[in-house]
Amino acid sequence: MSKVVWKGGTLLAPVPPVMVSCGDMESSNIITIAWTGIINSNPPKTYISVRPTRHSFDIIKNTKEFVINLTPSALVKEADYCGIYTGAKVDKFEKCKLTKAMASTVACPLIEECPMNLECKVTDIVELGSHYMFIADITAINVDEALLDENGKLRLEKAKLAAFAHGQYFELGKKIGDFGFSVKKKKSKKPQKTK
């Protein structure tokens, strides 16, 4: 395989185009973030990286709370809008016809139409250069009951989540394996008894 070498850049893909809500039930905003992920299991920690020029930056810096709302493919247009327009000039909940719902551990509203919402409390703020990283504890997760099977197991593939890669949006597609499938022992077939 022949490869060309480029200068270092932000080409890790795909990434989740999540809608991050901040503020409170009366004065809130939504910012679309692709620089996010899980950084620790116990305690569960996440991060979002935000430019200080963004309207949501000061809201999150002052309140030290936000909600990561996972974006289904059906809301990609709304997520794109929330990433382009500033909340200083437009009410994104109203413009995108998104519903505010009460969170259980933070004052920020959840986006009701999103299948999962991660409630987050900021523990650290790290200045990185163009962005500041807000490191946060995940204090609660809200899951749409439609994503649970009859045994209460999460079936996140039903959410049809969106992905973002190099300026384009995609819907996550077919399942190609489960965690650990590469080392899982195959079940041996029991020989059938003959009469």
N, C-alpha and C. Protein backbone atom coordinates (compact mmCIF):
# COMPACT_ATOMS: atom_id res chain seq x y z
N MET A 1 0.85 -1.17 0.00
CA MET A 1 0.00 0.00 0.00
C MET A 1 0.90 1.24 0.00
N SER A 2 0.70 2.09 -0.96
CA SER A 2 1.48 3.32 -1.07
C SER A 2 0.73 4.46 -0.38
N LYS A 3 1.45 5.25 0.43
CA LYS A 3 0.82 6.36 1.17
C LYS A 3 1.59 7.64 0.96
N VAL A 4 0.87 8.75 1.03
CA VAL A 4 1.51 10.07 1.03
C VAL A 4 1.48 10.59 2.46
N VAL A 5 2.43 11.42 2.82
CA VAL A 5 2.50 11.98 4.17
C VAL A 5 2.05 13.43 4.13
N TRP A 6 1.07 13.76 4.96
CA TRP A 6 0.58 15.13 5.09
C TRP A 6 1.02 15.69 6.43
N LYS A 7 0.95 17.00 6.53
CA LYS A 7 1.19 17.69 7.80
C LYS A 7 0.12 17.26 8.80
N GLY A 8 0.45 17.23 10.08
CA GLY A 8 -0.52 16.85 11.11
C GLY A 8 -1.78 17.70 11.05
N GLY A 9 -2.94 17.09 11.26
CA GLY A 9 -4.21 17.79 11.19
C GLY A 9 -5.30 17.05 11.93
N THR A 10 -6.52 17.49 11.76
CA THR A 10 -7.66 16.94 12.51
C THR A 10 -8.44 15.94 11.66
N LEU A 11 -7.78 14.94 11.14
CA LEU A 11 -8.45 13.99 10.26
C LEU A 11 -8.82 12.68 10.93
N LEU A 12 -8.96 12.66 12.23
CA LEU A 12 -9.49 11.47 12.89
C LEU A 12 -10.97 11.39 12.55
N ALA A 13 -11.40 10.26 12.03
CA ALA A 13 -12.80 10.14 11.61
C ALA A 13 -13.22 8.68 11.65
N PRO A 14 -14.51 8.40 11.82
CA PRO A 14 -15.58 9.37 12.04
C PRO A 14 -15.62 9.84 13.48
N VAL A 15 -16.28 10.97 13.68
CA VAL A 15 -16.51 11.51 15.02
C VAL A 15 -18.01 11.78 15.17
N PRO A 16 -18.49 11.87 16.42
CA PRO A 16 -19.93 12.10 16.61
C PRO A 16 -20.29 13.58 16.55
N PRO A 17 -21.21 13.98 15.69
CA PRO A 17 -21.66 15.38 15.69
C PRO A 17 -22.75 15.58 16.74
N VAL A 18 -22.33 15.71 18.00
CA VAL A 18 -23.31 15.79 19.10
C VAL A 18 -23.80 17.21 19.27
N MET A 19 -25.03 17.34 19.74
CA MET A 19 -25.57 18.65 20.08
C MET A 19 -25.43 18.81 21.59
N VAL A 20 -24.65 19.80 21.99
CA VAL A 20 -24.41 20.05 23.41
C VAL A 20 -25.30 21.20 23.87
N SER A 21 -26.16 20.90 24.85
CA SER A 21 -27.03 21.95 25.40
C SER A 21 -26.39 22.48 26.68
N CYS A 22 -26.58 23.79 26.89
CA CYS A 22 -26.01 24.43 28.06
C CYS A 22 -26.93 25.57 28.51
N GLY A 23 -26.62 26.13 29.67
CA GLY A 23 -27.48 27.17 30.23
C GLY A 23 -28.49 26.56 31.18
N ASP A 24 -29.70 27.13 31.19
CA ASP A 24 -30.76 26.58 32.04
C ASP A 24 -32.05 26.53 31.23
N MET A 25 -33.14 26.15 31.88
CA MET A 25 -34.40 25.96 31.15
C MET A 25 -34.92 27.26 30.54
N GLU A 26 -34.59 28.41 31.12
CA GLU A 26 -35.06 29.69 30.58
C GLU A 26 -34.12 30.28 29.55
N SER A 27 -32.82 30.21 29.82
CA SER A 27 -31.82 30.79 28.93
C SER A 27 -30.82 29.71 28.56
N SER A 28 -31.04 29.10 27.40
CA SER A 28 -30.22 27.95 27.01
C SER A 28 -29.69 28.12 25.60
N ASN A 29 -28.76 27.26 25.26
CA ASN A 29 -28.20 27.26 23.92
C ASN A 29 -27.82 25.84 23.52
N ILE A 30 -27.63 25.65 22.23
CA ILE A 30 -27.15 24.38 21.69
C ILE A 30 -25.96 24.68 20.80
N ILE A 31 -24.89 23.93 20.99
CA ILE A 31 -23.72 24.03 20.12
C ILE A 31 -23.40 22.63 19.62
N THR A 32 -23.13 22.51 18.34
CA THR A 32 -22.75 21.20 17.80
C THR A 32 -21.25 21.04 17.94
N ILE A 33 -20.85 19.90 18.49
CA ILE A 33 -19.45 19.60 18.79
C ILE A 33 -19.07 18.27 18.15
N ALA A 34 -17.94 18.24 17.49
CA ALA A 34 -17.41 16.97 16.99
C ALA A 34 -16.20 16.53 17.81
N TRP A 35 -15.56 17.46 18.52
CA TRP A 35 -14.41 17.11 19.34
C TRP A 35 -14.91 16.69 20.72
N THR A 36 -15.25 15.42 20.83
CA THR A 36 -15.75 14.86 22.09
C THR A 36 -15.44 13.37 22.15
N GLY A 37 -15.50 12.82 23.34
CA GLY A 37 -15.27 11.39 23.49
C GLY A 37 -15.21 11.00 24.96
N ILE A 38 -14.98 9.72 25.20
CA ILE A 38 -14.84 9.18 26.55
C ILE A 38 -13.36 9.19 26.90
N ILE A 39 -13.02 9.64 28.11
CA ILE A 39 -11.61 9.66 28.50
C ILE A 39 -11.32 8.84 29.76
N ASN A 40 -12.36 8.33 30.43
CA ASN A 40 -12.13 7.51 31.62
C ASN A 40 -13.39 6.69 31.92
N SER A 41 -13.17 5.49 32.49
CA SER A 41 -14.30 4.61 32.81
C SER A 41 -14.82 4.80 34.22
N ASN A 42 -13.91 4.87 35.19
CA ASN A 42 -14.32 4.93 36.58
C ASN A 42 -13.53 6.00 37.32
N PRO A 43 -14.08 7.19 37.57
CA PRO A 43 -15.46 7.59 37.27
C PRO A 43 -15.62 7.85 35.77
N PRO A 44 -16.87 7.73 35.28
CA PRO A 44 -17.10 7.98 33.85
C PRO A 44 -16.84 9.45 33.52
N LYS A 45 -15.91 9.69 32.59
CA LYS A 45 -15.54 11.06 32.23
C LYS A 45 -15.56 11.23 30.72
N THR A 46 -15.91 12.44 30.34
CA THR A 46 -15.94 12.80 28.93
C THR A 46 -15.29 14.17 28.78
N TYR A 47 -15.27 14.65 27.56
CA TYR A 47 -14.77 16.00 27.31
C TYR A 47 -15.48 16.58 26.09
N ILE A 48 -15.48 17.89 26.02
CA ILE A 48 -15.81 18.59 24.78
C ILE A 48 -14.76 19.68 24.62
N SER A 49 -14.35 19.95 23.39
CA SER A 49 -13.41 21.03 23.12
C SER A 49 -14.16 22.13 22.39
N VAL A 50 -14.05 23.36 22.90
CA VAL A 50 -14.83 24.49 22.40
C VAL A 50 -13.90 25.68 22.18
N ARG A 51 -14.10 26.38 21.06
CA ARG A 51 -13.36 27.62 20.82
C ARG A 51 -13.90 28.71 21.76
N PRO A 52 -13.03 29.54 22.31
CA PRO A 52 -13.51 30.59 23.22
C PRO A 52 -14.35 31.65 22.52
N THR A 53 -14.34 31.70 21.21
CA THR A 53 -15.17 32.67 20.47
C THR A 53 -16.62 32.22 20.36
N ARG A 54 -16.91 30.98 20.69
CA ARG A 54 -18.28 30.47 20.57
C ARG A 54 -19.15 30.98 21.72
N HIS A 55 -20.41 31.25 21.43
CA HIS A 55 -21.36 31.77 22.43
C HIS A 55 -21.48 30.84 23.63
N SER A 56 -21.45 29.54 23.41
CA SER A 56 -21.61 28.57 24.49
C SER A 56 -20.40 28.49 25.41
N PHE A 57 -19.25 28.96 24.95
CA PHE A 57 -18.01 28.84 25.74
C PHE A 57 -18.17 29.45 27.12
N ASP A 58 -18.60 30.72 27.17
CA ASP A 58 -18.74 31.39 28.47
C ASP A 58 -19.84 30.78 29.32
N ILE A 59 -20.91 30.32 28.66
CA ILE A 59 -22.00 29.68 29.41
C ILE A 59 -21.48 28.46 30.15
N ILE A 60 -20.76 27.60 29.42
CA ILE A 60 -20.24 26.36 30.02
C ILE A 60 -19.15 26.69 31.04
N LYS A 61 -18.29 27.64 30.73
CA LYS A 61 -17.22 28.02 31.66
C LYS A 61 -17.79 28.53 32.98
N ASN A 62 -18.88 29.30 32.91
CA ASN A 62 -19.48 29.87 34.13
C ASN A 62 -20.35 28.89 34.90
N THR A 63 -21.14 28.08 34.19
CA THR A 63 -22.05 27.15 34.89
C THR A 63 -21.39 25.84 35.24
N LYS A 64 -20.34 25.48 34.49
CA LYS A 64 -19.61 24.21 34.67
C LYS A 64 -20.54 22.99 34.49
N GLU A 65 -21.49 23.13 33.57
CA GLU A 65 -22.41 22.02 33.26
C GLU A 65 -22.74 22.05 31.77
N PHE A 66 -23.04 20.88 31.24
CA PHE A 66 -23.55 20.77 29.88
C PHE A 66 -24.16 19.39 29.70
N VAL A 67 -24.91 19.22 28.62
CA VAL A 67 -25.49 17.91 28.28
C VAL A 67 -25.06 17.56 26.86
N ILE A 68 -24.50 16.37 26.71
CA ILE A 68 -24.18 15.85 25.38
C ILE A 68 -25.40 15.08 24.90
N ASN A 69 -26.01 15.56 23.82
CA ASN A 69 -27.20 14.93 23.25
C ASN A 69 -26.77 14.22 21.97
N LEU A 70 -26.89 12.88 21.96
CA LEU A 70 -26.46 12.12 20.78
C LEU A 70 -27.41 12.40 19.62
N THR A 71 -26.84 12.64 18.45
CA THR A 71 -27.61 13.06 17.29
C THR A 71 -27.98 11.87 16.41
N PRO A 72 -29.28 11.60 16.24
CA PRO A 72 -29.69 10.59 15.27
C PRO A 72 -29.65 11.20 13.86
N SER A 73 -29.59 10.35 12.85
CA SER A 73 -29.51 10.85 11.48
C SER A 73 -30.71 11.73 11.13
N ALA A 74 -31.84 11.50 11.75
CA ALA A 74 -33.04 12.30 11.48
C ALA A 74 -32.88 13.76 11.91
N LEU A 75 -31.88 14.05 12.77
CA LEU A 75 -31.67 15.42 13.25
C LEU A 75 -30.37 16.03 12.74
N VAL A 76 -29.80 15.48 11.68
CA VAL A 76 -28.54 16.00 11.16
C VAL A 76 -28.68 17.44 10.67
N LYS A 77 -29.79 17.78 10.06
CA LYS A 77 -29.98 19.15 9.58
C LYS A 77 -29.99 20.12 10.76
N GLU A 78 -30.65 19.75 11.84
CA GLU A 78 -30.69 20.59 13.04
C GLU A 78 -29.30 20.70 13.67
N ALA A 79 -28.57 19.58 13.72
CA ALA A 79 -27.21 19.60 14.28
C ALA A 79 -26.31 20.51 13.45
N ASP A 80 -26.43 20.43 12.14
CA ASP A 80 -25.63 21.27 11.26
C ASP A 80 -25.94 22.75 11.51
N TYR A 81 -27.23 23.06 11.62
CA TYR A 81 -27.66 24.45 11.88
C TYR A 81 -27.07 24.95 13.21
N CYS A 82 -27.16 24.10 14.24
CA CYS A 82 -26.67 24.51 15.57
C CYS A 82 -25.16 24.68 15.61
N GLY A 83 -24.46 24.12 14.64
CA GLY A 83 -23.02 24.29 14.55
C GLY A 83 -22.62 25.51 13.75
N ILE A 84 -23.54 26.06 12.98
CA ILE A 84 -23.23 27.19 12.10
C ILE A 84 -23.67 28.52 12.70
N TYR A 85 -24.89 28.57 13.23
CA TYR A 85 -25.42 29.83 13.74
C TYR A 85 -25.10 30.02 15.21
N THR A 86 -24.94 31.26 15.62
CA THR A 86 -24.63 31.58 17.01
C THR A 86 -25.90 31.73 17.84
N GLY A 87 -25.84 31.20 19.03
CA GLY A 87 -26.95 31.35 19.97
C GLY A 87 -27.08 32.75 20.52
N ALA A 88 -26.11 33.61 20.23
CA ALA A 88 -26.21 35.01 20.65
C ALA A 88 -27.27 35.74 19.85
N LYS A 89 -27.62 35.20 18.67
CA LYS A 89 -28.58 35.87 17.79
C LYS A 89 -29.85 35.08 17.54
N VAL A 90 -29.86 33.80 17.83
CA VAL A 90 -31.03 32.98 17.53
C VAL A 90 -31.25 31.95 18.63
N ASP A 91 -32.52 31.69 18.95
CA ASP A 91 -32.89 30.63 19.89
C ASP A 91 -32.93 29.33 19.08
N LYS A 92 -31.91 28.52 19.24
CA LYS A 92 -31.79 27.31 18.42
C LYS A 92 -32.85 26.27 18.77
N PHE A 93 -33.28 26.20 20.03
CA PHE A 93 -34.37 25.28 20.38
C PHE A 93 -35.61 25.64 19.57
N GLU A 94 -35.93 26.93 19.55
CA GLU A 94 -37.14 27.39 18.84
C GLU A 94 -36.98 27.24 17.33
N LYS A 95 -35.87 27.70 16.79
CA LYS A 95 -35.64 27.67 15.34
C LYS A 95 -35.66 26.24 14.80
N CYS A 96 -35.07 25.31 15.53
CA CYS A 96 -34.98 23.91 15.08
C CYS A 96 -36.15 23.05 15.56
N LYS A 97 -37.09 23.68 16.27
CA LYS A 97 -38.26 22.97 16.81
C LYS A 97 -37.85 21.77 17.67
N LEU A 98 -36.87 22.01 18.56
CA LEU A 98 -36.40 20.99 19.48
C LEU A 98 -37.00 21.26 20.85
N THR A 99 -37.29 20.20 21.59
CA THR A 99 -37.99 20.29 22.87
C THR A 99 -37.02 20.22 24.03
N LYS A 100 -37.13 21.19 24.93
CA LYS A 100 -36.33 21.17 26.17
C LYS A 100 -36.98 20.21 27.15
N ALA A 101 -36.15 19.40 27.81
CA ALA A 101 -36.64 18.51 28.88
C ALA A 101 -35.71 18.68 30.08
N MET A 102 -36.27 18.48 31.27
CA MET A 102 -35.50 18.63 32.51
C MET A 102 -34.48 17.50 32.64
N ALA A 103 -33.29 17.85 33.05
CA ALA A 103 -32.26 16.87 33.38
C ALA A 103 -32.42 16.50 34.85
N SER A 104 -31.71 15.46 35.28
CA SER A 104 -31.85 15.03 36.67
C SER A 104 -30.73 15.51 37.57
N THR A 105 -29.54 15.83 37.00
CA THR A 105 -28.41 16.21 37.85
C THR A 105 -27.80 17.56 37.49
N VAL A 106 -28.25 18.16 36.39
CA VAL A 106 -27.74 19.47 35.97
C VAL A 106 -28.91 20.39 35.63
N ALA A 107 -28.64 21.69 35.58
CA ALA A 107 -29.69 22.67 35.26
C ALA A 107 -29.93 22.79 33.76
N CYS A 108 -29.00 22.31 32.95
CA CYS A 108 -29.14 22.40 31.49
C CYS A 108 -30.31 21.56 31.01
N PRO A 109 -31.00 22.01 29.96
CA PRO A 109 -32.06 21.18 29.41
C PRO A 109 -31.49 20.06 28.54
N LEU A 110 -32.21 18.97 28.49
CA LEU A 110 -31.92 17.89 27.54
C LEU A 110 -32.63 18.23 26.24
N ILE A 111 -32.20 17.63 25.15
CA ILE A 111 -32.96 17.71 23.91
C ILE A 111 -33.79 16.44 23.83
N GLU A 112 -35.09 16.59 24.01
CA GLU A 112 -36.02 15.46 24.10
C GLU A 112 -35.94 14.55 22.87
N GLU A 113 -35.76 15.11 21.70
CA GLU A 113 -35.77 14.33 20.46
C GLU A 113 -34.52 13.47 20.26
N CYS A 114 -33.49 13.71 21.05
CA CYS A 114 -32.27 12.89 20.95
C CYS A 114 -32.45 11.60 21.75
N PRO A 115 -31.99 10.46 21.22
CA PRO A 115 -32.23 9.18 21.87
C PRO A 115 -31.46 8.96 23.17
N MET A 116 -30.33 9.66 23.33
CA MET A 116 -29.55 9.56 24.57
C MET A 116 -28.99 10.92 24.92
N ASN A 117 -28.96 11.20 26.22
CA ASN A 117 -28.45 12.47 26.73
C ASN A 117 -27.51 12.18 27.89
N LEU A 118 -26.29 12.69 27.83
CA LEU A 118 -25.31 12.51 28.89
C LEU A 118 -25.19 13.81 29.67
N GLU A 119 -25.61 13.79 30.94
CA GLU A 119 -25.53 14.95 31.80
C GLU A 119 -24.11 15.04 32.36
N CYS A 120 -23.50 16.22 32.25
CA CYS A 120 -22.08 16.36 32.57
C CYS A 120 -21.81 17.55 33.48
N LYS A 121 -20.88 17.36 34.43
CA LYS A 121 -20.41 18.42 35.32
C LYS A 121 -18.91 18.59 35.13
N VAL A 122 -18.51 19.80 34.79
CA VAL A 122 -17.12 20.10 34.48
C VAL A 122 -16.24 19.98 35.73
N THR A 123 -15.12 19.27 35.57
CA THR A 123 -14.15 19.13 36.67
C THR A 123 -12.85 19.88 36.37
N ASP A 124 -12.52 20.02 35.09
CA ASP A 124 -11.28 20.68 34.70
C ASP A 124 -11.47 21.41 33.38
N ILE A 125 -10.76 22.50 33.22
CA ILE A 125 -10.75 23.24 31.95
C ILE A 125 -9.29 23.37 31.54
N VAL A 126 -8.98 22.88 30.34
CA VAL A 126 -7.60 22.87 29.86
C VAL A 126 -7.50 23.72 28.59
N GLU A 127 -6.62 24.72 28.62
CA GLU A 127 -6.39 25.55 27.44
C GLU A 127 -5.44 24.80 26.52
N LEU A 128 -5.86 24.59 25.27
CA LEU A 128 -5.07 23.78 24.35
C LEU A 128 -4.47 24.58 23.20
N GLY A 129 -5.00 25.72 22.89
CA GLY A 129 -4.58 26.50 21.72
C GLY A 129 -5.83 27.12 21.13
N SER A 130 -6.28 26.60 19.98
CA SER A 130 -7.51 27.12 19.36
C SER A 130 -8.74 26.80 20.19
N HIS A 131 -8.69 25.73 20.98
CA HIS A 131 -9.83 25.27 21.78
C HIS A 131 -9.44 25.13 23.25
N TYR A 132 -10.48 25.14 24.09
CA TYR A 132 -10.34 24.78 25.49
C TYR A 132 -11.08 23.45 25.66
N MET A 133 -10.48 22.54 26.42
CA MET A 133 -11.13 21.26 26.70
C MET A 133 -11.83 21.32 28.04
N PHE A 134 -13.13 21.05 28.03
CA PHE A 134 -13.91 20.94 29.26
C PHE A 134 -13.99 19.46 29.61
N ILE A 135 -13.27 19.06 30.64
CA ILE A 135 -13.31 17.68 31.12
C ILE A 135 -14.42 17.59 32.16
N ALA A 136 -15.24 16.54 32.04
CA ALA A 136 -16.43 16.48 32.91
C ALA A 136 -16.76 15.06 33.36
N ASP A 137 -17.35 14.98 34.54
CA ASP A 137 -17.93 13.72 35.00
C ASP A 137 -19.28 13.54 34.34
N ILE A 138 -19.57 12.33 33.89
CA ILE A 138 -20.91 12.00 33.37
C ILE A 138 -21.74 11.60 34.59
N THR A 139 -22.68 12.46 34.97
CA THR A 139 -23.42 12.27 36.22
C THR A 139 -24.74 11.53 36.03
N ALA A 140 -25.25 11.47 34.81
CA ALA A 140 -26.48 10.71 34.52
C ALA A 140 -26.58 10.52 33.01
N ILE A 141 -27.25 9.44 32.62
CA ILE A 141 -27.51 9.17 31.21
C ILE A 141 -29.01 8.92 31.06
N ASN A 142 -29.62 9.61 30.11
CA ASN A 142 -31.04 9.44 29.83
C ASN A 142 -31.17 8.66 28.53
N VAL A 143 -31.90 7.55 28.56
CA VAL A 143 -32.01 6.65 27.41
C VAL A 143 -33.47 6.51 27.00
N ASP A 144 -33.73 6.69 25.72
CA ASP A 144 -35.07 6.47 25.17
C ASP A 144 -35.44 5.00 25.37
N GLU A 145 -36.59 4.75 25.98
CA GLU A 145 -37.03 3.38 26.25
C GLU A 145 -37.14 2.54 24.98
N ALA A 146 -37.35 3.18 23.84
CA ALA A 146 -37.47 2.45 22.57
C ALA A 146 -36.15 1.76 22.19
N LEU A 147 -35.05 2.16 22.82
CA LEU A 147 -33.75 1.55 22.52
C LEU A 147 -33.44 0.34 23.39
N LEU A 148 -34.35 0.01 24.30
CA LEU A 148 -34.14 -1.14 25.18
C LEU A 148 -34.90 -2.35 24.68
N ASP A 149 -34.25 -3.53 24.74
CA ASP A 149 -34.96 -4.74 24.33
C ASP A 149 -35.78 -5.27 25.50
N GLU A 150 -36.40 -6.42 25.32
CA GLU A 150 -37.30 -6.97 26.35
C GLU A 150 -36.58 -7.30 27.65
N ASN A 151 -35.24 -7.44 27.59
CA ASN A 151 -34.45 -7.71 28.80
C ASN A 151 -33.82 -6.45 29.39
N GLY A 152 -34.15 -5.30 28.81
CA GLY A 152 -33.60 -4.04 29.30
C GLY A 152 -32.22 -3.73 28.77
N LYS A 153 -31.74 -4.51 27.80
CA LYS A 153 -30.41 -4.28 27.22
C LYS A 153 -30.49 -3.17 26.18
N LEU A 154 -29.49 -2.28 26.21
CA LEU A 154 -29.43 -1.17 25.27
C LEU A 154 -29.13 -1.67 23.87
N ARG A 155 -29.93 -1.26 22.92
CA ARG A 155 -29.74 -1.58 21.49
C ARG A 155 -29.53 -0.25 20.77
N LEU A 156 -28.34 0.31 20.95
CA LEU A 156 -28.05 1.65 20.43
C LEU A 156 -28.12 1.72 18.91
N GLU A 157 -27.95 0.59 18.25
CA GLU A 157 -28.05 0.59 16.78
C GLU A 157 -29.43 1.03 16.30
N LYS A 158 -30.44 0.89 17.14
CA LYS A 158 -31.79 1.32 16.78
C LYS A 158 -31.89 2.85 16.67
N ALA A 159 -30.94 3.56 17.28
CA ALA A 159 -30.98 5.02 17.30
C ALA A 159 -30.59 5.63 15.95
N LYS A 160 -29.95 4.86 15.09
CA LYS A 160 -29.50 5.36 13.78
C LYS A 160 -28.70 6.65 13.95
N LEU A 161 -27.65 6.57 14.77
CA LEU A 161 -26.85 7.74 15.08
C LEU A 161 -26.08 8.25 13.87
N ALA A 162 -25.82 9.53 13.88
CA ALA A 162 -25.06 10.17 12.82
C ALA A 162 -23.58 10.16 13.14
N ALA A 163 -22.77 10.21 12.10
CA ALA A 163 -21.32 10.33 12.23
C ALA A 163 -20.87 11.45 11.29
N PHE A 164 -19.72 12.04 11.61
CA PHE A 164 -19.18 13.14 10.82
C PHE A 164 -17.76 12.76 10.41
N ALA A 165 -17.45 12.89 9.13
CA ALA A 165 -16.12 12.56 8.64
C ALA A 165 -15.73 13.51 7.53
N HIS A 166 -14.72 14.31 7.78
CA HIS A 166 -14.12 15.20 6.78
C HIS A 166 -15.16 16.05 6.05
N GLY A 167 -16.02 16.72 6.86
CA GLY A 167 -16.98 17.65 6.30
C GLY A 167 -18.28 17.03 5.80
N GLN A 168 -18.48 15.75 6.06
CA GLN A 168 -19.70 15.08 5.59
C GLN A 168 -20.35 14.30 6.73
N TYR A 169 -21.68 14.20 6.66
CA TYR A 169 -22.45 13.45 7.66
C TYR A 169 -22.82 12.08 7.10
N PHE A 170 -22.85 11.09 7.99
CA PHE A 170 -23.21 9.73 7.61
C PHE A 170 -24.12 9.13 8.67
N GLU A 171 -24.92 8.14 8.28
CA GLU A 171 -25.69 7.37 9.26
C GLU A 171 -24.92 6.09 9.52
N LEU A 172 -24.75 5.75 10.80
CA LEU A 172 -24.03 4.51 11.10
C LEU A 172 -24.79 3.34 10.50
N GLY A 173 -24.05 2.41 9.92
CA GLY A 173 -24.67 1.34 9.14
C GLY A 173 -24.68 -0.01 9.82
N LYS A 174 -24.33 -1.01 9.05
CA LYS A 174 -24.50 -2.38 9.51
C LYS A 174 -23.49 -2.78 10.58
N LYS A 175 -23.91 -3.68 11.43
CA LYS A 175 -23.06 -4.22 12.48
C LYS A 175 -22.08 -5.19 11.84
N ILE A 176 -20.81 -5.11 12.25
CA ILE A 176 -19.81 -6.02 11.69
C ILE A 176 -19.10 -6.86 12.75
N GLY A 177 -19.50 -6.72 14.01
CA GLY A 177 -18.92 -7.53 15.07
C GLY A 177 -19.27 -6.97 16.43
N ASP A 178 -19.00 -7.75 17.47
CA ASP A 178 -19.17 -7.34 18.87
C ASP A 178 -17.80 -7.23 19.51
N PHE A 179 -17.69 -6.42 20.56
CA PHE A 179 -16.43 -6.30 21.27
C PHE A 179 -15.98 -7.68 21.73
N GLY A 180 -14.74 -8.03 21.44
CA GLY A 180 -14.17 -9.32 21.85
C GLY A 180 -14.41 -10.46 20.89
N PHE A 181 -15.12 -10.21 19.77
CA PHE A 181 -15.45 -11.33 18.86
C PHE A 181 -14.21 -11.95 18.23
N SER A 182 -13.11 -11.20 18.15
CA SER A 182 -11.90 -11.73 17.51
C SER A 182 -11.24 -12.83 18.33
N VAL A 183 -11.52 -12.89 19.63
CA VAL A 183 -10.89 -13.89 20.48
C VAL A 183 -11.90 -14.85 21.12
N LYS A 184 -13.14 -14.65 20.81
CA LYS A 184 -14.19 -15.47 21.41
C LYS A 184 -14.10 -16.91 20.89
N LYS A 185 -14.20 -17.86 21.81
CA LYS A 185 -14.15 -19.26 21.42
C LYS A 185 -15.47 -19.65 20.79
N LYS A 186 -15.34 -20.41 19.73
CA LYS A 186 -16.55 -20.89 19.06
C LYS A 186 -17.16 -22.01 19.87
N LYS A 187 -18.49 -22.04 19.89
CA LYS A 187 -19.19 -23.11 20.60
C LYS A 187 -19.05 -24.38 19.80
N SER A 188 -18.69 -25.44 20.51
CA SER A 188 -18.56 -26.72 19.80
C SER A 188 -19.94 -27.35 19.66
N LYS A 189 -20.11 -27.99 18.53
CA LYS A 189 -21.39 -28.64 18.28
C LYS A 189 -21.38 -30.00 18.98
N LYS A 190 -22.45 -30.27 19.71
CA LYS A 190 -22.55 -31.55 20.38
C LYS A 190 -22.94 -32.62 19.35
N PRO A 191 -22.26 -33.75 19.41
CA PRO A 191 -22.63 -34.80 18.44
C PRO A 191 -24.06 -35.29 18.74
N GLN A 192 -24.80 -35.50 17.69
CA GLN A 192 -26.17 -35.98 17.87
C GLN A 192 -26.16 -37.50 18.09
N LYS A 193 -27.05 -37.91 18.96
CA LYS A 193 -27.14 -39.35 19.26
C LYS A 193 -27.82 -40.05 18.09
N THR A 194 -27.29 -41.20 17.78
CA THR A 194 -27.91 -42.03 16.73
C THR A 194 -28.69 -43.15 17.36
N LYS A 195 -29.74 -43.54 16.75
CA LYS A 195 -30.58 -44.61 17.29
C LYS A 195 -30.15 -45.94 16.76
